[in-house]
Amino acid sequence: MRKVVVVDDDRDICDALEDALGDNGYVVRVVPNGLKLVGALAVDRPDVILLDVAMSWINGYDLCVAMKQNVDFRSIPVVFISARTNEEDVRHGLACGAEDFLTKPLDLDHLLARLDDILAERA
């Protein structure tokens, strides 16, 4: 089973992603911030991380950079999911090491297709 961690402090987004991804064969773990992500990664390594940019404790950009610098976690693909839509934010997210940057409201079909592509590349 493909495992995904959703890191977002918006409960409605998390619930929608948990339902949609779960219905499409993913095992989903939801965490509200980067601090909780560190604990989740220590317990069960996901196949991909969906990461919001604007969160408490640490923003998604800094969290992605920190993960990509950690030898244990750098190979886990990160996809940003954010309400930020300007090109500078997208470029910054990709420069931090993310595989993609998808904007909210999310197109779930596009998200699922991107996850399939990303995971197929790593198979």
PDB file of N, CA and C in Angstrom:
ATOM      1  N   MET A   1       0.831  -1.192   0.000  1.00  0.00           N
ATOM      2  CA  MET A   1       0.000   0.000   0.000  1.00  0.00           C
ATOM      3  C   MET A   1       0.874   1.254   0.000  1.00  0.00           C
ATOM      4  N   ARG A   2       0.448   2.223  -0.750  1.00  0.00           N
ATOM      5  CA  ARG A   2       1.160   3.505  -0.815  1.00  0.00           C
ATOM      6  C   ARG A   2       0.769   4.347   0.395  1.00  0.00           C
ATOM      7  N   LYS A   3       1.776   4.929   1.030  1.00  0.00           N
ATOM      8  CA  LYS A   3       1.538   5.715   2.242  1.00  0.00           C
ATOM      9  C   LYS A   3       1.854   7.177   1.986  1.00  0.00           C
ATOM     10  N   VAL A   4       0.960   8.035   2.452  1.00  0.00           N
ATOM     11  CA  VAL A   4       1.147   9.481   2.310  1.00  0.00           C
ATOM     12  C   VAL A   4       0.907  10.146   3.662  1.00  0.00           C
ATOM     13  N   VAL A   5       1.734  11.146   3.953  1.00  0.00           N
ATOM     14  CA  VAL A   5       1.508  11.991   5.116  1.00  0.00           C
ATOM     15  C   VAL A   5       1.060  13.354   4.594  1.00  0.00           C
ATOM     16  N   VAL A   6      -0.039  13.838   5.131  1.00  0.00           N
ATOM     17  CA  VAL A   6      -0.546  15.168   4.813  1.00  0.00           C
ATOM     18  C   VAL A   6      -0.191  16.074   5.989  1.00  0.00           C
ATOM     19  N   VAL A   7       0.557  17.157   5.708  1.00  0.00           N
ATOM     20  CA  VAL A   7       0.954  18.107   6.745  1.00  0.00           C
ATOM     21  C   VAL A   7       0.251  19.426   6.445  1.00  0.00           C
ATOM     22  N   ASP A   8      -0.804  19.689   7.190  1.00  0.00           N
ATOM     23  CA  ASP A   8      -1.601  20.891   6.960  1.00  0.00           C
ATOM     24  C   ASP A   8      -2.374  21.180   8.232  1.00  0.00           C
ATOM     25  N   ASP A   9      -2.466  22.454   8.619  1.00  0.00           N
ATOM     26  CA  ASP A   9      -3.202  22.796   9.830  1.00  0.00           C
ATOM     27  C   ASP A   9      -4.670  23.130   9.561  1.00  0.00           C
ATOM     28  N   ASP A  10      -5.105  22.984   8.316  1.00  0.00           N
ATOM     29  CA  ASP A  10      -6.511  23.207   7.960  1.00  0.00           C
ATOM     30  C   ASP A  10      -7.239  21.859   8.010  1.00  0.00           C
ATOM     31  N   ARG A  11      -8.060  21.683   9.023  1.00  0.00           N
ATOM     32  CA  ARG A  11      -8.733  20.392   9.246  1.00  0.00           C
ATOM     33  C   ARG A  11      -9.626  19.999   8.062  1.00  0.00           C
ATOM     34  N   ASP A  12     -10.296  20.972   7.437  1.00  0.00           N
ATOM     35  CA  ASP A  12     -11.166  20.649   6.301  1.00  0.00           C
ATOM     36  C   ASP A  12     -10.363  20.086   5.131  1.00  0.00           C
ATOM     37  N   ILE A  13      -9.217  20.693   4.853  1.00  0.00           N
ATOM     38  CA  ILE A  13      -8.341  20.194   3.780  1.00  0.00           C
ATOM     39  C   ILE A  13      -7.869  18.788   4.120  1.00  0.00           C
ATOM     40  N   CYS A  14      -7.455  18.598   5.354  1.00  0.00           N
ATOM     41  CA  CYS A  14      -6.969  17.283   5.776  1.00  0.00           C
ATOM     42  C   CYS A  14      -8.047  16.213   5.637  1.00  0.00           C
ATOM     43  N   ASP A  15      -9.262  16.533   6.065  1.00  0.00           N
ATOM     44  CA  ASP A  15     -10.358  15.571   5.960  1.00  0.00           C
ATOM     45  C   ASP A  15     -10.640  15.224   4.500  1.00  0.00           C
ATOM     46  N   ALA A  16     -10.676  16.243   3.642  1.00  0.00           N
ATOM     47  CA  ALA A  16     -10.955  16.003   2.219  1.00  0.00           C
ATOM     48  C   ALA A  16      -9.859  15.154   1.588  1.00  0.00           C
ATOM     49  N   LEU A  17      -8.602  15.454   1.902  1.00  0.00           N
ATOM     50  CA  LEU A  17      -7.499  14.673   1.338  1.00  0.00           C
ATOM     51  C   LEU A  17      -7.483  13.264   1.897  1.00  0.00           C
ATOM     52  N   GLU A  18      -7.771  13.121   3.164  1.00  0.00           N
ATOM     53  CA  GLU A  18      -7.807  11.788   3.768  1.00  0.00           C
ATOM     54  C   GLU A  18      -8.861  10.919   3.086  1.00  0.00           C
ATOM     55  N   ASP A  19     -10.030  11.485   2.832  1.00  0.00           N
ATOM     56  CA  ASP A  19     -11.095  10.741   2.157  1.00  0.00           C
ATOM     57  C   ASP A  19     -10.723  10.411   0.714  1.00  0.00           C
ATOM     58  N   ALA A  20     -10.282  11.419  -0.033  1.00  0.00           N
ATOM     59  CA  ALA A  20      -9.986  11.217  -1.455  1.00  0.00           C
ATOM     60  C   ALA A  20      -8.817  10.255  -1.659  1.00  0.00           C
ATOM     61  N   LEU A  21      -7.761  10.435  -0.898  1.00  0.00           N
ATOM     62  CA  LEU A  21      -6.604   9.558  -1.048  1.00  0.00           C
ATOM     63  C   LEU A  21      -6.917   8.152  -0.545  1.00  0.00           C
ATOM     64  N   GLY A  22      -7.632   8.074   0.561  1.00  0.00           N
ATOM     65  CA  GLY A  22      -8.027   6.765   1.088  1.00  0.00           C
ATOM     66  C   GLY A  22      -8.890   5.988   0.106  1.00  0.00           C
ATOM     67  N   ASP A  23      -9.799   6.694  -0.567  1.00  0.00           N
ATOM     68  CA  ASP A  23     -10.659   6.057  -1.566  1.00  0.00           C
ATOM     69  C   ASP A  23      -9.874   5.585  -2.790  1.00  0.00           C
ATOM     70  N   ASN A  24      -8.651   6.084  -2.951  1.00  0.00           N
ATOM     71  CA  ASN A  24      -7.822   5.724  -4.105  1.00  0.00           C
ATOM     72  C   ASN A  24      -6.618   4.871  -3.713  1.00  0.00           C
ATOM     73  N   GLY A  25      -6.753   4.160  -2.609  1.00  0.00           N
ATOM     74  CA  GLY A  25      -5.757   3.159  -2.258  1.00  0.00           C
ATOM     75  C   GLY A  25      -4.581   3.624  -1.433  1.00  0.00           C
ATOM     76  N   TYR A  26      -4.609   4.838  -0.938  1.00  0.00           N
ATOM     77  CA  TYR A  26      -3.516   5.324  -0.103  1.00  0.00           C
ATOM     78  C   TYR A  26      -3.839   5.108   1.373  1.00  0.00           C
ATOM     79  N   VAL A  27      -2.813   4.820   2.135  1.00  0.00           N
ATOM     80  CA  VAL A  27      -2.905   4.863   3.587  1.00  0.00           C
ATOM     81  C   VAL A  27      -2.471   6.273   3.969  1.00  0.00           C
ATOM     82  N   VAL A  28      -3.346   7.005   4.646  1.00  0.00           N
ATOM     83  CA  VAL A  28      -3.130   8.426   4.899  1.00  0.00           C
ATOM     84  C   VAL A  28      -2.918   8.672   6.384  1.00  0.00           C
ATOM     85  N   ARG A  29      -1.888   9.441   6.669  1.00  0.00           N
ATOM     86  CA  ARG A  29      -1.666   9.933   8.028  1.00  0.00           C
ATOM     87  C   ARG A  29      -1.682  11.450   7.948  1.00  0.00           C
ATOM     88  N   VAL A  30      -2.432  12.080   8.815  1.00  0.00           N
ATOM     89  CA  VAL A  30      -2.556  13.539   8.832  1.00  0.00           C
ATOM     90  C   VAL A  30      -1.855  14.076  10.072  1.00  0.00           C
ATOM     91  N   VAL A  31      -1.018  15.091   9.867  1.00  0.00           N
ATOM     92  CA  VAL A  31      -0.380  15.781  10.988  1.00  0.00           C
ATOM     93  C   VAL A  31      -0.549  17.282  10.776  1.00  0.00           C
ATOM     94  N   PRO A  32      -0.719  18.063  11.865  1.00  0.00           N
ATOM     95  CA  PRO A  32      -1.039  19.478  11.714  1.00  0.00           C
ATOM     96  C   PRO A  32       0.149  20.413  11.524  1.00  0.00           C
ATOM     97  N   ASN A  33       1.378  19.924  11.755  1.00  0.00           N
ATOM     98  CA  ASN A  33       2.527  20.825  11.641  1.00  0.00           C
ATOM     99  C   ASN A  33       3.826  20.041  11.507  1.00  0.00           C
ATOM    100  N   GLY A  34       4.906  20.766  11.314  1.00  0.00           N
ATOM    101  CA  GLY A  34       6.204  20.145  11.104  1.00  0.00           C
ATOM    102  C   GLY A  34       6.716  19.368  12.302  1.00  0.00           C
ATOM    103  N   LEU A  35       6.414  19.827  13.503  1.00  0.00           N
ATOM    104  CA  LEU A  35       6.845  19.118  14.696  1.00  0.00           C
ATOM    105  C   LEU A  35       6.237  17.721  14.728  1.00  0.00           C
ATOM    106  N   LYS A  36       4.960  17.628  14.412  1.00  0.00           N
ATOM    107  CA  LYS A  36       4.290  16.328  14.386  1.00  0.00           C
ATOM    108  C   LYS A  36       4.802  15.465  13.232  1.00  0.00           C
ATOM    109  N   LEU A  37       5.235  16.109  12.131  1.00  0.00           N
ATOM    110  CA  LEU A  37       5.777  15.355  11.008  1.00  0.00           C
ATOM    111  C   LEU A  37       7.044  14.612  11.422  1.00  0.00           C
ATOM    112  N   VAL A  38       7.893  15.262  12.175  1.00  0.00           N
ATOM    113  CA  VAL A  38       9.132  14.618  12.618  1.00  0.00           C
ATOM    114  C   VAL A  38       8.802  13.332  13.370  1.00  0.00           C
ATOM    115  N   GLY A  39       7.828  13.389  14.244  1.00  0.00           N
ATOM    116  CA  GLY A  39       7.410  12.194  14.977  1.00  0.00           C
ATOM    117  C   GLY A  39       6.819  11.134  14.060  1.00  0.00           C
ATOM    118  N   ALA A  40       6.028  11.559  13.083  1.00  0.00           N
ATOM    119  CA  ALA A  40       5.411  10.610  12.152  1.00  0.00           C
ATOM    120  C   ALA A  40       6.466   9.901  11.310  1.00  0.00           C
ATOM    121  N   LEU A  41       7.489  10.633  10.885  1.00  0.00           N
ATOM    122  CA  LEU A  41       8.540  10.025  10.060  1.00  0.00           C
ATOM    123  C   LEU A  41       9.346   9.009  10.857  1.00  0.00           C
ATOM    124  N   ALA A  42       9.493   9.249  12.145  1.00  0.00           N
ATOM    125  CA  ALA A  42      10.235   8.322  12.983  1.00  0.00           C
ATOM    126  C   ALA A  42       9.475   7.016  13.182  1.00  0.00           C
ATOM    127  N   VAL A  43       8.142   7.072  13.121  1.00  0.00           N
ATOM    128  CA  VAL A  43       7.311   5.898  13.356  1.00  0.00           C
ATOM    129  C   VAL A  43       7.081   5.088  12.082  1.00  0.00           C
ATOM    130  N   ASP A  44       6.742   5.753  10.997  1.00  0.00           N
ATOM    131  CA  ASP A  44       6.353   5.043   9.783  1.00  0.00           C
ATOM    132  C   ASP A  44       6.703   5.894   8.561  1.00  0.00           C
ATOM    133  N   ARG A  45       7.644   5.429   7.759  1.00  0.00           N
ATOM    134  CA  ARG A  45       8.129   6.190   6.607  1.00  0.00           C
ATOM    135  C   ARG A  45       7.077   6.188   5.490  1.00  0.00           C
ATOM    136  N   PRO A  46       6.650   7.391   5.053  1.00  0.00           N
ATOM    137  CA  PRO A  46       5.669   7.457   3.964  1.00  0.00           C
ATOM    138  C   PRO A  46       6.353   7.357   2.603  1.00  0.00           C
ATOM    139  N   ASP A  47       5.557   7.130   1.581  1.00  0.00           N
ATOM    140  CA  ASP A  47       6.049   7.128   0.207  1.00  0.00           C
ATOM    141  C   ASP A  47       6.107   8.543  -0.356  1.00  0.00           C
ATOM    142  N   VAL A  48       5.277   9.432   0.180  1.00  0.00           N
ATOM    143  CA  VAL A  48       5.224  10.820  -0.282  1.00  0.00           C
ATOM    144  C   VAL A  48       4.643  11.687   0.831  1.00  0.00           C
ATOM    145  N   ILE A  49       5.035  12.962   0.817  1.00  0.00           N
ATOM    146  CA  ILE A  49       4.534  13.927   1.801  1.00  0.00           C
ATOM    147  C   ILE A  49       3.843  15.064   1.060  1.00  0.00           C
ATOM    148  N   LEU A  50       2.617  15.375   1.458  1.00  0.00           N
ATOM    149  CA  LEU A  50       1.898  16.551   0.969  1.00  0.00           C
ATOM    150  C   LEU A  50       2.043  17.614   2.052  1.00  0.00           C
ATOM    151  N   LEU A  51       2.628  18.749   1.690  1.00  0.00           N
ATOM    152  CA  LEU A  51       3.066  19.726   2.680  1.00  0.00           C
ATOM    153  C   LEU A  51       2.514  21.112   2.379  1.00  0.00           C
ATOM    154  N   ASP A  52       1.816  21.675   3.349  1.00  0.00           N
ATOM    155  CA  ASP A  52       1.347  23.053   3.236  1.00  0.00           C
ATOM    156  C   ASP A  52       2.521  23.998   3.481  1.00  0.00           C
ATOM    157  N   VAL A  53       2.408  25.222   2.999  1.00  0.00           N
ATOM    158  CA  VAL A  53       3.468  26.206   3.202  1.00  0.00           C
ATOM    159  C   VAL A  53       3.274  26.944   4.524  1.00  0.00           C
ATOM    160  N   ALA A  54       2.091  27.490   4.747  1.00  0.00           N
ATOM    161  CA  ALA A  54       1.832  28.333   5.916  1.00  0.00           C
ATOM    162  C   ALA A  54       1.331  27.483   7.078  1.00  0.00           C
ATOM    163  N   MET A  55       2.223  27.266   8.044  1.00  0.00           N
ATOM    164  CA  MET A  55       1.870  26.466   9.221  1.00  0.00           C
ATOM    165  C   MET A  55       2.524  27.060  10.452  1.00  0.00           C
ATOM    166  N   SER A  56       2.072  26.620  11.619  1.00  0.00           N
ATOM    167  CA  SER A  56       2.702  27.037  12.866  1.00  0.00           C
ATOM    168  C   SER A  56       4.006  26.260  13.065  1.00  0.00           C
ATOM    169  N   TRP A  57       4.825  26.749  13.945  1.00  0.00           N
ATOM    170  CA  TRP A  57       6.092  26.180  14.362  1.00  0.00           C
ATOM    171  C   TRP A  57       7.185  26.366  13.318  1.00  0.00           C
ATOM    172  N   ILE A  58       6.986  25.856  12.101  1.00  0.00           N
ATOM    173  CA  ILE A  58       7.958  26.017  11.025  1.00  0.00           C
ATOM    174  C   ILE A  58       7.185  26.055   9.710  1.00  0.00           C
ATOM    175  N   ASN A  59       7.582  26.937   8.788  1.00  0.00           N
ATOM    176  CA  ASN A  59       6.844  26.978   7.519  1.00  0.00           C
ATOM    177  C   ASN A  59       7.267  25.798   6.638  1.00  0.00           C
ATOM    178  N   GLY A  60       6.451  25.511   5.666  1.00  0.00           N
ATOM    179  CA  GLY A  60       6.701  24.361   4.797  1.00  0.00           C
ATOM    180  C   GLY A  60       7.999  24.445   4.030  1.00  0.00           C
ATOM    181  N   TYR A  61       8.386  25.638   3.611  1.00  0.00           N
ATOM    182  CA  TYR A  61       9.640  25.793   2.873  1.00  0.00           C
ATOM    183  C   TYR A  61      10.823  25.347   3.727  1.00  0.00           C
ATOM    184  N   ASP A  62      10.890  25.889   4.946  1.00  0.00           N
ATOM    185  CA  ASP A  62      12.004  25.551   5.829  1.00  0.00           C
ATOM    186  C   ASP A  62      11.993  24.072   6.200  1.00  0.00           C
ATOM    187  N   LEU A  63      10.809  23.530   6.390  1.00  0.00           N
ATOM    188  CA  LEU A  63      10.686  22.108   6.718  1.00  0.00           C
ATOM    189  C   LEU A  63      11.170  21.238   5.568  1.00  0.00           C
ATOM    190  N   CYS A  64      10.818  21.604   4.346  1.00  0.00           N
ATOM    191  CA  CYS A  64      11.252  20.846   3.174  1.00  0.00           C
ATOM    192  C   CYS A  64      12.773  20.880   3.044  1.00  0.00           C
ATOM    193  N   VAL A  65      13.362  22.056   3.220  1.00  0.00           N
ATOM    194  CA  VAL A  65      14.821  22.182   3.151  1.00  0.00           C
ATOM    195  C   VAL A  65      15.479  21.300   4.212  1.00  0.00           C
ATOM    196  N   ALA A  66      14.959  21.336   5.433  1.00  0.00           N
ATOM    197  CA  ALA A  66      15.527  20.528   6.512  1.00  0.00           C
ATOM    198  C   ALA A  66      15.426  19.039   6.195  1.00  0.00           C
ATOM    199  N   MET A  67      14.298  18.620   5.632  1.00  0.00           N
ATOM    200  CA  MET A  67      14.140  17.204   5.270  1.00  0.00           C
ATOM    201  C   MET A  67      15.122  16.803   4.177  1.00  0.00           C
ATOM    202  N   LYS A  68      15.305  17.670   3.199  1.00  0.00           N
ATOM    203  CA  LYS A  68      16.195  17.347   2.081  1.00  0.00           C
ATOM    204  C   LYS A  68      17.658  17.335   2.514  1.00  0.00           C
ATOM    205  N   GLN A  69      17.978  17.954   3.639  1.00  0.00           N
ATOM    206  CA  GLN A  69      19.335  17.929   4.165  1.00  0.00           C
ATOM    207  C   GLN A  69      19.578  16.723   5.068  1.00  0.00           C
ATOM    208  N   ASN A  70      18.517  16.034   5.446  1.00  0.00           N
ATOM    209  CA  ASN A  70      18.624  14.883   6.337  1.00  0.00           C
ATOM    210  C   ASN A  70      18.740  13.609   5.507  1.00  0.00           C
ATOM    211  N   VAL A  71      19.825  12.882   5.680  1.00  0.00           N
ATOM    212  CA  VAL A  71      20.083  11.691   4.870  1.00  0.00           C
ATOM    213  C   VAL A  71      18.972  10.642   5.009  1.00  0.00           C
ATOM    214  N   ASP A  72      18.312  10.591   6.149  1.00  0.00           N
ATOM    215  CA  ASP A  72      17.261   9.599   6.361  1.00  0.00           C
ATOM    216  C   ASP A  72      15.964   9.934   5.640  1.00  0.00           C
ATOM    217  N   PHE A  73      15.737  11.219   5.344  1.00  0.00           N
ATOM    218  CA  PHE A  73      14.446  11.635   4.793  1.00  0.00           C
ATOM    219  C   PHE A  73      14.515  12.271   3.416  1.00  0.00           C
ATOM    220  N   ARG A  74      15.706  12.566   2.904  1.00  0.00           N
ATOM    221  CA  ARG A  74      15.829  13.336   1.668  1.00  0.00           C
ATOM    222  C   ARG A  74      15.213  12.656   0.451  1.00  0.00           C
ATOM    223  N   SER A  75      15.110  11.342   0.473  1.00  0.00           N
ATOM    224  CA  SER A  75      14.573  10.649  -0.697  1.00  0.00           C
ATOM    225  C   SER A  75      13.040  10.597  -0.728  1.00  0.00           C
ATOM    226  N   ILE A  76      12.397  11.041   0.344  1.00  0.00           N
ATOM    227  CA  ILE A  76      10.926  11.052   0.362  1.00  0.00           C
ATOM    228  C   ILE A  76      10.448  12.237  -0.464  1.00  0.00           C
ATOM    229  N   PRO A  77       9.670  11.993  -1.519  1.00  0.00           N
ATOM    230  CA  PRO A  77       9.187  13.116  -2.324  1.00  0.00           C
ATOM    231  C   PRO A  77       8.199  13.987  -1.549  1.00  0.00           C
ATOM    232  N   VAL A  78       8.334  15.295  -1.774  1.00  0.00           N
ATOM    233  CA  VAL A  78       7.467  16.288  -1.149  1.00  0.00           C
ATOM    234  C   VAL A  78       6.702  17.011  -2.247  1.00  0.00           C
ATOM    235  N   VAL A  79       5.401  17.156  -2.044  1.00  0.00           N
ATOM    236  CA  VAL A  79       4.558  17.948  -2.937  1.00  0.00           C
ATOM    237  C   VAL A  79       3.914  19.033  -2.078  1.00  0.00           C
ATOM    238  N   PHE A  80       4.200  20.289  -2.420  1.00  0.00           N
ATOM    239  CA  PHE A  80       3.552  21.382  -1.701  1.00  0.00           C
ATOM    240  C   PHE A  80       2.098  21.489  -2.138  1.00  0.00           C
ATOM    241  N   ILE A  81       1.241  21.743  -1.156  1.00  0.00           N
ATOM    242  CA  ILE A  81      -0.170  22.062  -1.397  1.00  0.00           C
ATOM    243  C   ILE A  81      -0.409  23.387  -0.677  1.00  0.00           C
ATOM    244  N   SER A  82      -0.715  24.412  -1.428  1.00  0.00           N
ATOM    245  CA  SER A  82      -0.741  25.746  -0.820  1.00  0.00           C
ATOM    246  C   SER A  82      -1.770  26.653  -1.469  1.00  0.00           C
ATOM    247  N   ALA A  83      -2.259  27.594  -0.681  1.00  0.00           N
ATOM    248  CA  ALA A  83      -3.138  28.635  -1.213  1.00  0.00           C
ATOM    249  C   ALA A  83      -2.326  29.731  -1.898  1.00  0.00           C
ATOM    250  N   ARG A  84      -1.019  29.703  -1.717  1.00  0.00           N
ATOM    251  CA  ARG A  84      -0.151  30.682  -2.385  1.00  0.00           C
ATOM    252  C   ARG A  84      -0.062  30.319  -3.857  1.00  0.00           C
ATOM    253  N   THR A  85      -0.360  31.275  -4.708  1.00  0.00           N
ATOM    254  CA  THR A  85      -0.473  30.965  -6.131  1.00  0.00           C
ATOM    255  C   THR A  85       0.490  31.729  -7.022  1.00  0.00           C
ATOM    256  N   ASN A  86       1.307  32.621  -6.448  1.00  0.00           N
ATOM    257  CA  ASN A  86       2.165  33.385  -7.347  1.00  0.00           C
ATOM    258  C   ASN A  86       3.403  32.567  -7.741  1.00  0.00           C
ATOM    259  N   GLU A  87       3.977  32.932  -8.868  1.00  0.00           N
ATOM    260  CA  GLU A  87       5.094  32.182  -9.435  1.00  0.00           C
ATOM    261  C   GLU A  87       6.315  32.162  -8.518  1.00  0.00           C
ATOM    262  N   GLU A  88       6.529  33.231  -7.771  1.00  0.00           N
ATOM    263  CA  GLU A  88       7.672  33.272  -6.857  1.00  0.00           C
ATOM    264  C   GLU A  88       7.552  32.189  -5.787  1.00  0.00           C
ATOM    265  N   ASP A  89       6.345  32.010  -5.245  1.00  0.00           N
ATOM    266  CA  ASP A  89       6.127  30.955  -4.250  1.00  0.00           C
ATOM    267  C   ASP A  89       6.372  29.575  -4.851  1.00  0.00           C
ATOM    268  N   VAL A  90       5.876  29.360  -6.064  1.00  0.00           N
ATOM    269  CA  VAL A  90       6.062  28.072  -6.733  1.00  0.00           C
ATOM    270  C   VAL A  90       7.552  27.815  -6.960  1.00  0.00           C
ATOM    271  N   ARG A  91       8.255  28.790  -7.498  1.00  0.00           N
ATOM    272  CA  ARG A  91       9.702  28.637  -7.739  1.00  0.00           C
ATOM    273  C   ARG A  91      10.451  28.355  -6.436  1.00  0.00           C
ATOM    274  N   HIS A  92      10.081  29.088  -5.392  1.00  0.00           N
ATOM    275  CA  HIS A  92      10.745  28.897  -4.103  1.00  0.00           C
ATOM    276  C   HIS A  92      10.506  27.473  -3.580  1.00  0.00           C
ATOM    277  N   GLY A  93       9.279  26.997  -3.698  1.00  0.00           N
ATOM    278  CA  GLY A  93       8.960  25.645  -3.240  1.00  0.00           C
ATOM    279  C   GLY A  93       9.754  24.591  -3.989  1.00  0.00           C
ATOM    280  N   LEU A  94       9.864  24.739  -5.296  1.00  0.00           N
ATOM    281  CA  LEU A  94      10.631  23.780  -6.085  1.00  0.00           C
ATOM    282  C   LEU A  94      12.121  23.880  -5.764  1.00  0.00           C
ATOM    283  N   ALA A  95      12.602  25.094  -5.513  1.00  0.00           N
ATOM    284  CA  ALA A  95      14.013  25.287  -5.149  1.00  0.00           C
ATOM    285  C   ALA A  95      14.329  24.658  -3.792  1.00  0.00           C
ATOM    286  N   CYS A  96      13.335  24.518  -2.943  1.00  0.00           N
ATOM    287  CA  CYS A  96      13.530  23.886  -1.640  1.00  0.00           C
ATOM    288  C   CYS A  96      13.660  22.367  -1.750  1.00  0.00           C
ATOM    289  N   GLY A  97      13.360  21.833  -2.942  1.00  0.00           N
ATOM    290  CA  GLY A  97      13.502  20.393  -3.148  1.00  0.00           C
ATOM    291  C   GLY A  97      12.215  19.639  -3.380  1.00  0.00           C
ATOM    292  N   ALA A  98      11.095  20.348  -3.476  1.00  0.00           N
ATOM    293  CA  ALA A  98       9.818  19.670  -3.702  1.00  0.00           C
ATOM    294  C   ALA A  98       9.713  19.135  -5.132  1.00  0.00           C
ATOM    295  N   GLU A  99       8.947  18.084  -5.274  1.00  0.00           N
ATOM    296  CA  GLU A  99       8.684  17.489  -6.584  1.00  0.00           C
ATOM    297  C   GLU A  99       7.695  18.327  -7.385  1.00  0.00           C
ATOM    298  N   ASP A 100       6.762  18.960  -6.678  1.00  0.00           N
ATOM    299  CA  ASP A 100       5.743  19.756  -7.347  1.00  0.00           C
ATOM    300  C   ASP A 100       5.158  20.733  -6.342  1.00  0.00           C
ATOM    301  N   PHE A 101       4.389  21.690  -6.865  1.00  0.00           N
ATOM    302  CA  PHE A 101       3.736  22.711  -6.054  1.00  0.00           C
ATOM    303  C   PHE A 101       2.326  22.856  -6.613  1.00  0.00           C
ATOM    304  N   LEU A 102       1.342  22.353  -5.884  1.00  0.00           N
ATOM    305  CA  LEU A 102      -0.054  22.410  -6.325  1.00  0.00           C
ATOM    306  C   LEU A 102      -0.800  23.432  -5.481  1.00  0.00           C
ATOM    307  N   THR A 103      -1.680  24.181  -6.145  1.00  0.00           N
ATOM    308  CA  THR A 103      -2.373  25.251  -5.444  1.00  0.00           C
ATOM    309  C   THR A 103      -3.788  24.838  -5.037  1.00  0.00           C
ATOM    310  N   LYS A 104      -4.217  25.423  -3.910  1.00  0.00           N
ATOM    311  CA  LYS A 104      -5.573  25.216  -3.402  1.00  0.00           C
ATOM    312  C   LYS A 104      -6.481  26.232  -4.058  1.00  0.00           C
ATOM    313  N   PRO A 105      -7.720  25.913  -4.316  1.00  0.00           N
ATOM    314  CA  PRO A 105      -8.320  24.607  -4.060  1.00  0.00           C
ATOM    315  C   PRO A 105      -7.716  23.548  -4.981  1.00  0.00           C
ATOM    316  N   LEU A 106      -7.499  22.390  -4.418  1.00  0.00           N
ATOM    317  CA  LEU A 106      -6.834  21.314  -5.147  1.00  0.00           C
ATOM    318  C   LEU A 106      -7.759  20.650  -6.152  1.00  0.00           C
ATOM    319  N   ASP A 107      -7.217  20.354  -7.298  1.00  0.00           N
ATOM    320  CA  ASP A 107      -7.876  19.512  -8.285  1.00  0.00           C
ATOM    321  C   ASP A 107      -7.469  18.085  -7.923  1.00  0.00           C
ATOM    322  N   LEU A 108      -8.377  17.331  -7.306  1.00  0.00           N
ATOM    323  CA  LEU A 108      -8.024  16.013  -6.782  1.00  0.00           C
ATOM    324  C   LEU A 108      -7.586  15.045  -7.869  1.00  0.00           C
ATOM    325  N   ASP A 109      -8.183  15.123  -9.056  1.00  0.00           N
ATOM    326  CA  ASP A 109      -7.755  14.253 -10.148  1.00  0.00           C
ATOM    327  C   ASP A 109      -6.312  14.559 -10.549  1.00  0.00           C
ATOM    328  N   HIS A 110      -5.981  15.829 -10.610  1.00  0.00           N
ATOM    329  CA  HIS A 110      -4.607  16.220 -10.941  1.00  0.00           C
ATOM    330  C   HIS A 110      -3.639  15.774  -9.838  1.00  0.00           C
ATOM    331  N   LEU A 111      -4.029  15.960  -8.585  1.00  0.00           N
ATOM    332  CA  LEU A 111      -3.195  15.526  -7.465  1.00  0.00           C
ATOM    333  C   LEU A 111      -2.928  14.030  -7.545  1.00  0.00           C
ATOM    334  N   LEU A 112      -3.967  13.247  -7.745  1.00  0.00           N
ATOM    335  CA  LEU A 112      -3.795  11.792  -7.823  1.00  0.00           C
ATOM    336  C   LEU A 112      -2.907  11.394  -8.998  1.00  0.00           C
ATOM    337  N   ALA A 113      -3.062  12.057 -10.128  1.00  0.00           N
ATOM    338  CA  ALA A 113      -2.218  11.765 -11.288  1.00  0.00           C
ATOM    339  C   ALA A 113      -0.761  12.104 -10.989  1.00  0.00           C
ATOM    340  N   ARG A 114      -0.511  13.232 -10.340  1.00  0.00           N
ATOM    341  CA  ARG A 114       0.866  13.616 -10.000  1.00  0.00           C
ATOM    342  C   ARG A 114       1.479  12.635  -9.011  1.00  0.00           C
ATOM    343  N   LEU A 115       0.695  12.216  -8.016  1.00  0.00           N
ATOM    344  CA  LEU A 115       1.213  11.240  -7.057  1.00  0.00           C
ATOM    345  C   LEU A 115       1.554   9.926  -7.758  1.00  0.00           C
ATOM    346  N   ASP A 116       0.680   9.489  -8.645  1.00  0.00           N
ATOM    347  CA  ASP A 116       0.957   8.265  -9.410  1.00  0.00           C
ATOM    348  C   ASP A 116       2.245   8.404 -10.212  1.00  0.00           C
ATOM    349  N   ASP A 117       2.426   9.550 -10.874  1.00  0.00           N
ATOM    350  CA  ASP A 117       3.640   9.789 -11.677  1.00  0.00           C
ATOM    351  C   ASP A 117       4.892   9.789 -10.794  1.00  0.00           C
ATOM    352  N   ILE A 118       4.813  10.509  -9.700  1.00  0.00           N
ATOM    353  CA  ILE A 118       5.975  10.624  -8.817  1.00  0.00           C
ATOM    354  C   ILE A 118       6.361   9.264  -8.256  1.00  0.00           C
ATOM    355  N   LEU A 119       5.375   8.494  -7.826  1.00  0.00           N
ATOM    356  CA  LEU A 119       5.671   7.190  -7.241  1.00  0.00           C
ATOM    357  C   LEU A 119       6.111   6.182  -8.295  1.00  0.00           C
ATOM    358  N   ALA A 120       5.588   6.302  -9.506  1.00  0.00           N
ATOM    359  CA  ALA A 120       6.030   5.409 -10.596  1.00  0.00           C
ATOM    360  C   ALA A 120       7.482   5.668 -10.950  1.00  0.00           C
ATOM    361  N   GLU A 121       7.912   6.927 -10.908  1.00  0.00           N
ATOM    362  CA  GLU A 121       9.307   7.274 -11.196  1.00  0.00           C
ATOM    363  C   GLU A 121      10.251   6.658 -10.179  1.00  0.00           C
ATOM    364  N   ARG A 122       9.773   6.438  -8.967  1.00  0.00           N
ATOM    365  CA  ARG A 122      10.621   5.939  -7.884  1.00  0.00           C
ATOM    366  C   ARG A 122      10.510   4.436  -7.710  1.00  0.00           C
ATOM    367  N   ALA A 123       9.660   3.802  -8.473  1.00  0.00           N
ATOM    368  CA  ALA A 123       9.469   2.345  -8.326  1.00  0.00           C
ATOM    369  C   ALA A 123      10.626   1.562  -8.907  1.00  0.00           C
TER     370      ALA A 123
END
